[in-house]
All heavy atoms as atom14 arrays in JSON, in Angstrom:
{
  "sequence": "SCRIDDITFFILNEHTREKDFENFLQYALSGNNIGLLSEA",
  "atom14_mask": [
    [1, 1, 1, 1, 1, 1, 0, 0, 0, 0, 0, 0, 0, 0],
    [1, 1, 1, 1, 1, 1, 0, 0, 0, 0, 0, 0, 0, 0],
    [1, 1, 1, 1, 1, 1, 1, 1, 1, 1, 1, 0, 0, 0],
    [1, 1, 1, 1, 1, 1, 1, 1, 0, 0, 0, 0, 0, 0],
    [1, 1, 1, 1, 1, 1, 1, 1, 0, 0, 0, 0, 0, 0],
    [1, 1, 1, 1, 1, 1, 1, 1, 0, 0, 0, 0, 0, 0],
    [1, 1, 1, 1, 1, 1, 1, 1, 0, 0, 0, 0, 0, 0],
    [1, 1, 1, 1, 1, 1, 1, 0, 0, 0, 0, 0, 0, 0],
    [1, 1, 1, 1, 1, 1, 1, 1, 1, 1, 1, 0, 0, 0],
    [1, 1, 1, 1, 1, 1, 1, 1, 1, 1, 1, 0, 0, 0],
    [1, 1, 1, 1, 1, 1, 1, 1, 0, 0, 0, 0, 0, 0],
    [1, 1, 1, 1, 1, 1, 1, 1, 0, 0, 0, 0, 0, 0],
    [1, 1, 1, 1, 1, 1, 1, 1, 0, 0, 0, 0, 0, 0],
    [1, 1, 1, 1, 1, 1, 1, 1, 1, 0, 0, 0, 0, 0],
    [1, 1, 1, 1, 1, 1, 1, 1, 1, 1, 0, 0, 0, 0],
    [1, 1, 1, 1, 1, 1, 1, 0, 0, 0, 0, 0, 0, 0],
    [1, 1, 1, 1, 1, 1, 1, 1, 1, 1, 1, 0, 0, 0],
    [1, 1, 1, 1, 1, 1, 1, 1, 1, 0, 0, 0, 0, 0],
    [1, 1, 1, 1, 1, 1, 1, 1, 1, 0, 0, 0, 0, 0],
    [1, 1, 1, 1, 1, 1, 1, 1, 0, 0, 0, 0, 0, 0],
    [1, 1, 1, 1, 1, 1, 1, 1, 1, 1, 1, 0, 0, 0],
    [1, 1, 1, 1, 1, 1, 1, 1, 1, 0, 0, 0, 0, 0],
    [1, 1, 1, 1, 1, 1, 1, 1, 0, 0, 0, 0, 0, 0],
    [1, 1, 1, 1, 1, 1, 1, 1, 1, 1, 1, 0, 0, 0],
    [1, 1, 1, 1, 1, 1, 1, 1, 0, 0, 0, 0, 0, 0],
    [1, 1, 1, 1, 1, 1, 1, 1, 1, 0, 0, 0, 0, 0],
    [1, 1, 1, 1, 1, 1, 1, 1, 1, 1, 1, 1, 0, 0],
    [1, 1, 1, 1, 1, 0, 0, 0, 0, 0, 0, 0, 0, 0],
    [1, 1, 1, 1, 1, 1, 1, 1, 0, 0, 0, 0, 0, 0],
    [1, 1, 1, 1, 1, 1, 0, 0, 0, 0, 0, 0, 0, 0],
    [1, 1, 1, 1, 0, 0, 0, 0, 0, 0, 0, 0, 0, 0],
    [1, 1, 1, 1, 1, 1, 1, 1, 0, 0, 0, 0, 0, 0],
    [1, 1, 1, 1, 1, 1, 1, 1, 0, 0, 0, 0, 0, 0],
    [1, 1, 1, 1, 1, 1, 1, 1, 0, 0, 0, 0, 0, 0],
    [1, 1, 1, 1, 0, 0, 0, 0, 0, 0, 0, 0, 0, 0],
    [1, 1, 1, 1, 1, 1, 1, 1, 0, 0, 0, 0, 0, 0],
    [1, 1, 1, 1, 1, 1, 1, 1, 0, 0, 0, 0, 0, 0],
    [1, 1, 1, 1, 1, 1, 0, 0, 0, 0, 0, 0, 0, 0],
    [1, 1, 1, 1, 1, 1, 1, 1, 1, 0, 0, 0, 0, 0],
    [1, 1, 1, 1, 1, 0, 0, 0, 0, 0, 0, 0, 0, 0]
  ],
  "atom14_positions": [
    [[-15.89, -31.29, 195.4], [-16.4, -29.94, 195.63], [-17.92, -29.84, 195.53], [-18.49, -28.76, 195.66], [-15.76, -28.97, 194.62], [-16.13, -29.3, 193.29], [0.0, 0.0, 0.0], [0.0, 0.0, 0.0], [0.0, 0.0, 0.0], [0.0, 0.0, 0.0], [0.0, 0.0, 0.0], [0.0, 0.0, 0.0], [0.0, 0.0, 0.0], [0.0, 0.0, 0.0]],
    [[-18.56, -30.98, 195.33], [-20.02, -31.02, 195.19], [-20.7, -30.5, 196.46], [-20.35, -30.91, 197.57], [-20.46, -32.46, 194.89], [-22.24, -32.7, 194.92], [0.0, 0.0, 0.0], [0.0, 0.0, 0.0], [0.0, 0.0, 0.0], [0.0, 0.0, 0.0], [0.0, 0.0, 0.0], [0.0, 0.0, 0.0], [0.0, 0.0, 0.0], [0.0, 0.0, 0.0]],
    [[-21.67, -29.62, 196.29], [-22.43, -29.09, 197.42], [-23.7, -29.94, 197.57], [-24.72, -29.66, 196.94], [-22.77, -27.62, 197.19], [-21.53, -26.71, 197.17], [-21.91, -25.28, 196.82], [-22.88, -24.72, 197.74], [-22.59, -24.1, 198.88], [-21.31, -23.95, 199.23], [-23.53, -23.61, 199.64], [0.0, 0.0, 0.0], [0.0, 0.0, 0.0], [0.0, 0.0, 0.0]],
    [[-23.6, -30.96, 198.4], [-24.69, -31.91, 198.56], [-25.98, -31.24, 199.0], [-27.08, -31.62, 198.58], [-24.3, -33.02, 199.56], [-23.15, -33.87, 199.0], [-25.48, -33.9, 199.9], [-23.52, -34.67, 197.78], [0.0, 0.0, 0.0], [0.0, 0.0, 0.0], [0.0, 0.0, 0.0], [0.0, 0.0, 0.0], [0.0, 0.0, 0.0], [0.0, 0.0, 0.0]],
    [[-25.85, -30.22, 199.85], [-27.05, -29.56, 200.37], [-27.81, -28.8, 199.3], [-28.98, -28.43, 199.51], [-26.67, -28.61, 201.51], [-26.19, -29.35, 202.75], [-26.5, -30.56, 202.86], [-25.52, -28.74, 203.59], [0.0, 0.0, 0.0], [0.0, 0.0, 0.0], [0.0, 0.0, 0.0], [0.0, 0.0, 0.0], [0.0, 0.0, 0.0], [0.0, 0.0, 0.0]],
    [[-27.18, -28.56, 198.16], [-27.85, -27.86, 197.06], [-28.6, -28.83, 196.13], [-29.23, -28.39, 195.17], [-26.83, -27.07, 196.23], [-26.24, -25.91, 197.02], [-26.85, -25.51, 198.04], [-25.17, -25.4, 196.62], [0.0, 0.0, 0.0], [0.0, 0.0, 0.0], [0.0, 0.0, 0.0], [0.0, 0.0, 0.0], [0.0, 0.0, 0.0], [0.0, 0.0, 0.0]],
    [[-28.51, -30.11, 196.42], [-29.12, -31.12, 195.57], [-30.4, -31.64, 196.21], [-30.46, -31.86, 197.43], [-28.15, -32.3, 195.32], [-26.92, -31.79, 194.57], [-28.83, -33.43, 194.55], [-25.85, -32.85, 194.39], [0.0, 0.0, 0.0], [0.0, 0.0, 0.0], [0.0, 0.0, 0.0], [0.0, 0.0, 0.0], [0.0, 0.0, 0.0], [0.0, 0.0, 0.0]],
    [[-31.42, -31.84, 195.41], [-32.69, -32.4, 195.89], [-32.74, -33.88, 195.52], [-32.53, -34.24, 194.36], [-33.89, -31.67, 195.25], [-33.84, -30.29, 195.61], [-35.2, -32.27, 195.74], [0.0, 0.0, 0.0], [0.0, 0.0, 0.0], [0.0, 0.0, 0.0], [0.0, 0.0, 0.0], [0.0, 0.0, 0.0], [0.0, 0.0, 0.0], [0.0, 0.0, 0.0]],
    [[-33.03, -34.72, 196.51], [-33.09, -36.16, 196.29], [-34.51, -36.67, 196.5], [-35.22, -36.22, 197.41], [-32.17, -36.9, 197.27], [-30.7, -36.63, 197.06], [-30.04, -35.65, 197.79], [-29.97, -37.39, 196.14], [-28.69, -35.41, 197.61], [-28.61, -37.16, 195.95], [-27.97, -36.16, 196.68], [0.0, 0.0, 0.0], [0.0, 0.0, 0.0], [0.0, 0.0, 0.0]],
    [[-34.91, -37.6, 195.65], [-36.17, -38.31, 195.81], [-35.84, -39.79, 196.02], [-35.02, -40.34, 195.3], [-37.06, -38.16, 194.57], [-37.29, -36.73, 194.17], [-36.53, -36.14, 193.17], [-38.26, -35.97, 194.79], [-36.73, -34.82, 192.8], [-38.47, -34.64, 194.43], [-37.7, -34.06, 193.44], [0.0, 0.0, 0.0], [0.0, 0.0, 0.0], [0.0, 0.0, 0.0]],
    [[-36.46, -40.42, 197.0], [-36.13, -41.8, 197.34], [-37.09, -42.77, 196.62], [-38.31, -42.64, 196.71], [-36.21, -42.05, 198.85], [-35.36, -41.01, 199.6], [-35.76, -43.47, 199.19], [-33.9, -41.02, 199.22], [0.0, 0.0, 0.0], [0.0, 0.0, 0.0], [0.0, 0.0, 0.0], [0.0, 0.0, 0.0], [0.0, 0.0, 0.0], [0.0, 0.0, 0.0]],
    [[-36.5, -43.72, 195.9], [-37.28, -44.75, 195.21], [-36.79, -46.12, 195.66], [-35.69, -46.55, 195.33], [-37.08, -44.62, 193.69], [-37.68, -45.74, 192.82], [-39.18, -45.8, 193.0], [-37.32, -45.53, 191.36], [0.0, 0.0, 0.0], [0.0, 0.0, 0.0], [0.0, 0.0, 0.0], [0.0, 0.0, 0.0], [0.0, 0.0, 0.0], [0.0, 0.0, 0.0]],
    [[-37.6, -46.8, 196.48], [-37.25, -48.14, 196.94], [-38.52, -48.96, 197.1], [-39.59, -48.57, 196.62], [-36.43, -48.09, 198.23], [-37.14, -47.33, 199.34], [-38.38, -47.32, 199.43], [-36.38, -46.66, 200.19], [0.0, 0.0, 0.0], [0.0, 0.0, 0.0], [0.0, 0.0, 0.0], [0.0, 0.0, 0.0], [0.0, 0.0, 0.0], [0.0, 0.0, 0.0]],
    [[-38.42, -50.1, 197.8], [-39.58, -50.98, 197.92], [-40.71, -50.37, 198.73], [-41.84, -50.85, 198.7], [-39.16, -52.31, 198.56], [-38.72, -52.25, 200.01], [-37.24, -51.92, 200.16], [-36.61, -51.46, 199.18], [-36.7, -52.13, 201.27], [0.0, 0.0, 0.0], [0.0, 0.0, 0.0], [0.0, 0.0, 0.0], [0.0, 0.0, 0.0], [0.0, 0.0, 0.0]],
    [[-40.42, -49.28, 199.46], [-41.45, -48.63, 200.28], [-42.13, -47.48, 199.55], [-43.12, -46.92, 200.05], [-40.83, -48.11, 201.58], [-40.15, -49.17, 202.39], [-40.81, -50.25, 202.92], [-38.84, -49.31, 202.76], [-39.96, -51.01, 203.58], [-38.76, -50.48, 203.5], [0.0, 0.0, 0.0], [0.0, 0.0, 0.0], [0.0, 0.0, 0.0], [0.0, 0.0, 0.0]],
    [[-41.64, -47.12, 198.39], [-42.2, -45.99, 197.64], [-43.58, -46.35, 197.09], [-43.76, -47.43, 196.51], [-41.28, -45.6, 196.48], [-39.97, -45.33, 196.99], [-41.8, -44.34, 195.79], [0.0, 0.0, 0.0], [0.0, 0.0, 0.0], [0.0, 0.0, 0.0], [0.0, 0.0, 0.0], [0.0, 0.0, 0.0], [0.0, 0.0, 0.0], [0.0, 0.0, 0.0]],
    [[-44.53, -45.47, 197.28], [-45.88, -45.7, 196.78], [-45.95, -45.37, 195.28], [-45.29, -44.46, 194.8], [-46.87, -44.85, 197.55], [-46.93, -45.15, 199.05], [-47.75, -44.11, 199.79], [-47.16, -42.77, 199.64], [-47.68, -41.67, 200.16], [-48.82, -41.74, 200.84], [-47.09, -40.51, 199.99], [0.0, 0.0, 0.0], [0.0, 0.0, 0.0], [0.0, 0.0, 0.0]],
    [[-46.77, -46.11, 194.57], [-46.86, -45.93, 193.13], [-47.27, -44.51, 192.74], [-46.8, -43.95, 191.76], [-47.85, -46.94, 192.55], [-47.87, -46.97, 191.03], [-48.68, -48.11, 190.47], [-49.03, -49.03, 191.24], [-48.99, -48.07, 189.26], [0.0, 0.0, 0.0], [0.0, 0.0, 0.0], [0.0, 0.0, 0.0], [0.0, 0.0, 0.0], [0.0, 0.0, 0.0]],
    [[-48.13, -43.91, 193.56], [-48.58, -42.56, 193.24], [-47.46, -41.53, 193.35], [-47.55, -40.43, 192.79], [-49.76, -42.15, 194.14], [-49.41, -42.02, 195.61], [-50.65, -41.61, 196.41], [-50.33, -41.41, 197.88], [-51.53, -41.0, 198.65], [0.0, 0.0, 0.0], [0.0, 0.0, 0.0], [0.0, 0.0, 0.0], [0.0, 0.0, 0.0], [0.0, 0.0, 0.0]],
    [[-46.38, -41.89, 194.08], [-45.26, -40.97, 194.22], [-44.4, -40.89, 192.96], [-43.65, -39.94, 192.78], [-44.37, -41.38, 195.41], [-45.07, -41.16, 196.74], [-45.9, -40.25, 196.83], [-44.78, -41.92, 197.69], [0.0, 0.0, 0.0], [0.0, 0.0, 0.0], [0.0, 0.0, 0.0], [0.0, 0.0, 0.0], [0.0, 0.0, 0.0], [0.0, 0.0, 0.0]],
    [[-44.45, -41.94, 192.13], [-43.62, -41.96, 190.93], [-43.89, -40.74, 190.04], [-42.98, -40.14, 189.49], [-43.86, -43.24, 190.11], [-43.47, -44.5, 190.84], [-44.11, -45.69, 190.57], [-42.48, -44.49, 191.81], [-43.76, -46.86, 191.23], [-42.13, -45.65, 192.48], [-42.76, -46.83, 192.19], [0.0, 0.0, 0.0], [0.0, 0.0, 0.0], [0.0, 0.0, 0.0]],
    [[-45.16, -40.39, 189.92], [-45.52, -39.22, 189.1], [-44.91, -37.95, 189.69], [-44.44, -37.08, 188.95], [-47.04, -39.08, 189.03], [-47.77, -40.21, 188.32], [-47.81, -40.02, 186.82], [-47.29, -39.0, 186.34], [-48.36, -40.92, 186.14], [0.0, 0.0, 0.0], [0.0, 0.0, 0.0], [0.0, 0.0, 0.0], [0.0, 0.0, 0.0], [0.0, 0.0, 0.0]],
    [[-44.89, -37.87, 191.02], [-44.36, -36.67, 191.67], [-42.87, -36.48, 191.4], [-42.38, -35.35, 191.33], [-44.6, -36.73, 193.18], [-46.07, -36.72, 193.54], [-46.9, -36.21, 192.78], [-46.42, -37.31, 194.68], [0.0, 0.0, 0.0], [0.0, 0.0, 0.0], [0.0, 0.0, 0.0], [0.0, 0.0, 0.0], [0.0, 0.0, 0.0], [0.0, 0.0, 0.0]],
    [[-42.13, -37.6, 191.23], [-40.69, -37.5, 190.98], [-40.39, -36.7, 189.72], [-39.35, -36.07, 189.6], [-40.08, -38.9, 190.83], [-40.09, -39.71, 192.1], [-40.02, -41.1, 192.04], [-40.18, -39.12, 193.34], [-40.02, -41.86, 193.19], [-40.19, -39.87, 194.5], [-40.11, -41.24, 194.42], [0.0, 0.0, 0.0], [0.0, 0.0, 0.0], [0.0, 0.0, 0.0]],
    [[-41.3, -36.77, 188.76], [-41.04, -36.16, 187.45], [-41.64, -34.76, 187.31], [-41.56, -34.17, 186.24], [-41.57, -37.07, 186.34], [-40.83, -38.42, 186.21], [-41.5, -39.28, 185.15], [-39.37, -38.2, 185.86], [0.0, 0.0, 0.0], [0.0, 0.0, 0.0], [0.0, 0.0, 0.0], [0.0, 0.0, 0.0], [0.0, 0.0, 0.0], [0.0, 0.0, 0.0]],
    [[-42.24, -34.25, 188.36], [-42.85, -32.92, 188.26], [-41.81, -31.85, 187.91], [-42.09, -30.92, 187.16], [-43.55, -32.57, 189.58], [-44.82, -33.35, 189.83], [-45.82, -33.22, 188.7], [-46.15, -32.11, 188.25], [-46.3, -34.36, 188.23], [0.0, 0.0, 0.0], [0.0, 0.0, 0.0], [0.0, 0.0, 0.0], [0.0, 0.0, 0.0], [0.0, 0.0, 0.0]],
    [[-40.6, -32.01, 188.45], [-39.56, -31.02, 188.14], [-39.16, -31.09, 186.67], [-38.84, -30.07, 186.05], [-38.34, -31.24, 189.03], [-38.55, -30.77, 190.45], [-39.06, -31.62, 191.42], [-38.27, -29.45, 190.83], [-39.26, -31.19, 192.73], [-38.47, -29.02, 192.13], [-38.97, -29.89, 193.07], [-39.19, -29.46, 194.37], [0.0, 0.0, 0.0], [0.0, 0.0, 0.0]],
    [[-39.16, -32.27, 186.1], [-38.84, -32.41, 184.68], [-39.93, -31.78, 183.83], [-39.65, -31.12, 182.81], [-38.69, -33.89, 184.31], [0.0, 0.0, 0.0], [0.0, 0.0, 0.0], [0.0, 0.0, 0.0], [0.0, 0.0, 0.0], [0.0, 0.0, 0.0], [0.0, 0.0, 0.0], [0.0, 0.0, 0.0], [0.0, 0.0, 0.0], [0.0, 0.0, 0.0]],
    [[-41.17, -31.96, 184.23], [-42.28, -31.34, 183.5], [-42.2, -29.82, 183.57], [-42.74, -29.12, 182.7], [-43.61, -31.83, 184.05], [-43.88, -33.34, 183.9], [-45.2, -33.72, 184.58], [-43.91, -33.74, 182.43], [0.0, 0.0, 0.0], [0.0, 0.0, 0.0], [0.0, 0.0, 0.0], [0.0, 0.0, 0.0], [0.0, 0.0, 0.0], [0.0, 0.0, 0.0]],
    [[-41.51, -29.31, 184.58], [-41.34, -27.86, 184.75], [-40.07, -27.34, 184.08], [-39.74, -26.16, 184.21], [-41.32, -27.5, 186.23], [-42.5, -27.92, 186.88], [0.0, 0.0, 0.0], [0.0, 0.0, 0.0], [0.0, 0.0, 0.0], [0.0, 0.0, 0.0], [0.0, 0.0, 0.0], [0.0, 0.0, 0.0], [0.0, 0.0, 0.0], [0.0, 0.0, 0.0]],
    [[-39.33, -28.24, 183.4], [-38.16, -27.79, 182.65], [-36.81, -28.13, 183.26], [-35.77, -27.72, 182.73], [0.0, 0.0, 0.0], [0.0, 0.0, 0.0], [0.0, 0.0, 0.0], [0.0, 0.0, 0.0], [0.0, 0.0, 0.0], [0.0, 0.0, 0.0], [0.0, 0.0, 0.0], [0.0, 0.0, 0.0], [0.0, 0.0, 0.0], [0.0, 0.0, 0.0]],
    [[-36.8, -28.89, 184.35], [-35.54, -29.26, 185.0], [-35.09, -30.67, 184.6], [-35.91, -31.59, 184.49], [-35.7, -29.22, 186.52], [-36.07, -27.84, 187.03], [-35.23, -26.96, 187.11], [-37.34, -27.66, 187.36], [0.0, 0.0, 0.0], [0.0, 0.0, 0.0], [0.0, 0.0, 0.0], [0.0, 0.0, 0.0], [0.0, 0.0, 0.0], [0.0, 0.0, 0.0]],
    [[-33.79, -30.85, 184.42], [-33.25, -32.17, 184.17], [-33.14, -32.95, 185.47], [-32.8, -32.38, 186.52], [-31.86, -32.08, 183.52], [-31.93, -31.47, 182.13], [-32.89, -31.7, 181.39], [-30.92, -30.69, 181.77], [0.0, 0.0, 0.0], [0.0, 0.0, 0.0], [0.0, 0.0, 0.0], [0.0, 0.0, 0.0], [0.0, 0.0, 0.0], [0.0, 0.0, 0.0]],
    [[-33.39, -34.26, 185.42], [-33.35, -35.12, 186.6], [-32.5, -36.35, 186.29], [-32.54, -36.88, 185.18], [-34.77, -35.57, 187.01], [-35.64, -34.36, 187.35], [-34.72, -36.51, 188.22], [-37.06, -34.73, 187.74], [0.0, 0.0, 0.0], [0.0, 0.0, 0.0], [0.0, 0.0, 0.0], [0.0, 0.0, 0.0], [0.0, 0.0, 0.0], [0.0, 0.0, 0.0]],
    [[-31.75, -36.8, 187.28], [-30.96, -38.0, 187.12], [-31.56, -39.16, 187.9], [-31.9, -39.01, 189.07], [0.0, 0.0, 0.0], [0.0, 0.0, 0.0], [0.0, 0.0, 0.0], [0.0, 0.0, 0.0], [0.0, 0.0, 0.0], [0.0, 0.0, 0.0], [0.0, 0.0, 0.0], [0.0, 0.0, 0.0], [0.0, 0.0, 0.0], [0.0, 0.0, 0.0]],
    [[-31.71, -40.3, 187.25], [-32.11, -41.54, 187.92], [-30.83, -42.31, 188.2], [-30.2, -42.85, 187.3], [-33.07, -42.34, 187.05], [-33.52, -43.71, 187.57], [-34.2, -43.58, 188.93], [-34.45, -44.38, 186.58], [0.0, 0.0, 0.0], [0.0, 0.0, 0.0], [0.0, 0.0, 0.0], [0.0, 0.0, 0.0], [0.0, 0.0, 0.0], [0.0, 0.0, 0.0]],
    [[-30.42, -42.32, 189.46], [-29.12, -42.85, 189.85], [-29.27, -44.26, 190.42], [-29.93, -44.45, 191.44], [-28.48, -41.92, 190.89], [-27.03, -42.17, 191.29], [-26.09, -41.87, 190.13], [-26.66, -41.3, 192.49], [0.0, 0.0, 0.0], [0.0, 0.0, 0.0], [0.0, 0.0, 0.0], [0.0, 0.0, 0.0], [0.0, 0.0, 0.0], [0.0, 0.0, 0.0]],
    [[-28.68, -45.24, 189.76], [-28.76, -46.62, 190.23], [-27.97, -46.8, 191.51], [-27.02, -46.08, 191.79], [-28.23, -47.56, 189.15], [-28.18, -48.88, 189.62], [0.0, 0.0, 0.0], [0.0, 0.0, 0.0], [0.0, 0.0, 0.0], [0.0, 0.0, 0.0], [0.0, 0.0, 0.0], [0.0, 0.0, 0.0], [0.0, 0.0, 0.0], [0.0, 0.0, 0.0]],
    [[-28.36, -47.8, 192.31], [-27.6, -48.16, 193.5], [-26.3, -48.83, 193.12], [-25.26, -48.62, 193.72], [-28.44, -49.08, 194.39], [-27.8, -49.48, 195.69], [-27.74, -48.35, 196.71], [-28.27, -47.25, 196.44], [-27.14, -48.56, 197.78], [0.0, 0.0, 0.0], [0.0, 0.0, 0.0], [0.0, 0.0, 0.0], [0.0, 0.0, 0.0], [0.0, 0.0, 0.0]],
    [[-26.36, -49.67, 192.07], [-25.18, -50.34, 191.52], [-25.56, -50.89, 190.15], [-26.56, -51.58, 190.03], [-24.69, -51.46, 192.42], [0.0, 0.0, 0.0], [0.0, 0.0, 0.0], [0.0, 0.0, 0.0], [0.0, 0.0, 0.0], [0.0, 0.0, 0.0], [0.0, 0.0, 0.0], [0.0, 0.0, 0.0], [0.0, 0.0, 0.0], [0.0, 0.0, 0.0]]
  ]
}
């Protein structure tokens, strides 16, 4: 029943720039919980 369209995803892979890592956590700094989901 998960509403995928209501979820915000950030992509972290070999193409991700280092400066983007800080941006991933901006929502946490604003009070939101974030999940770091492993591929496996």
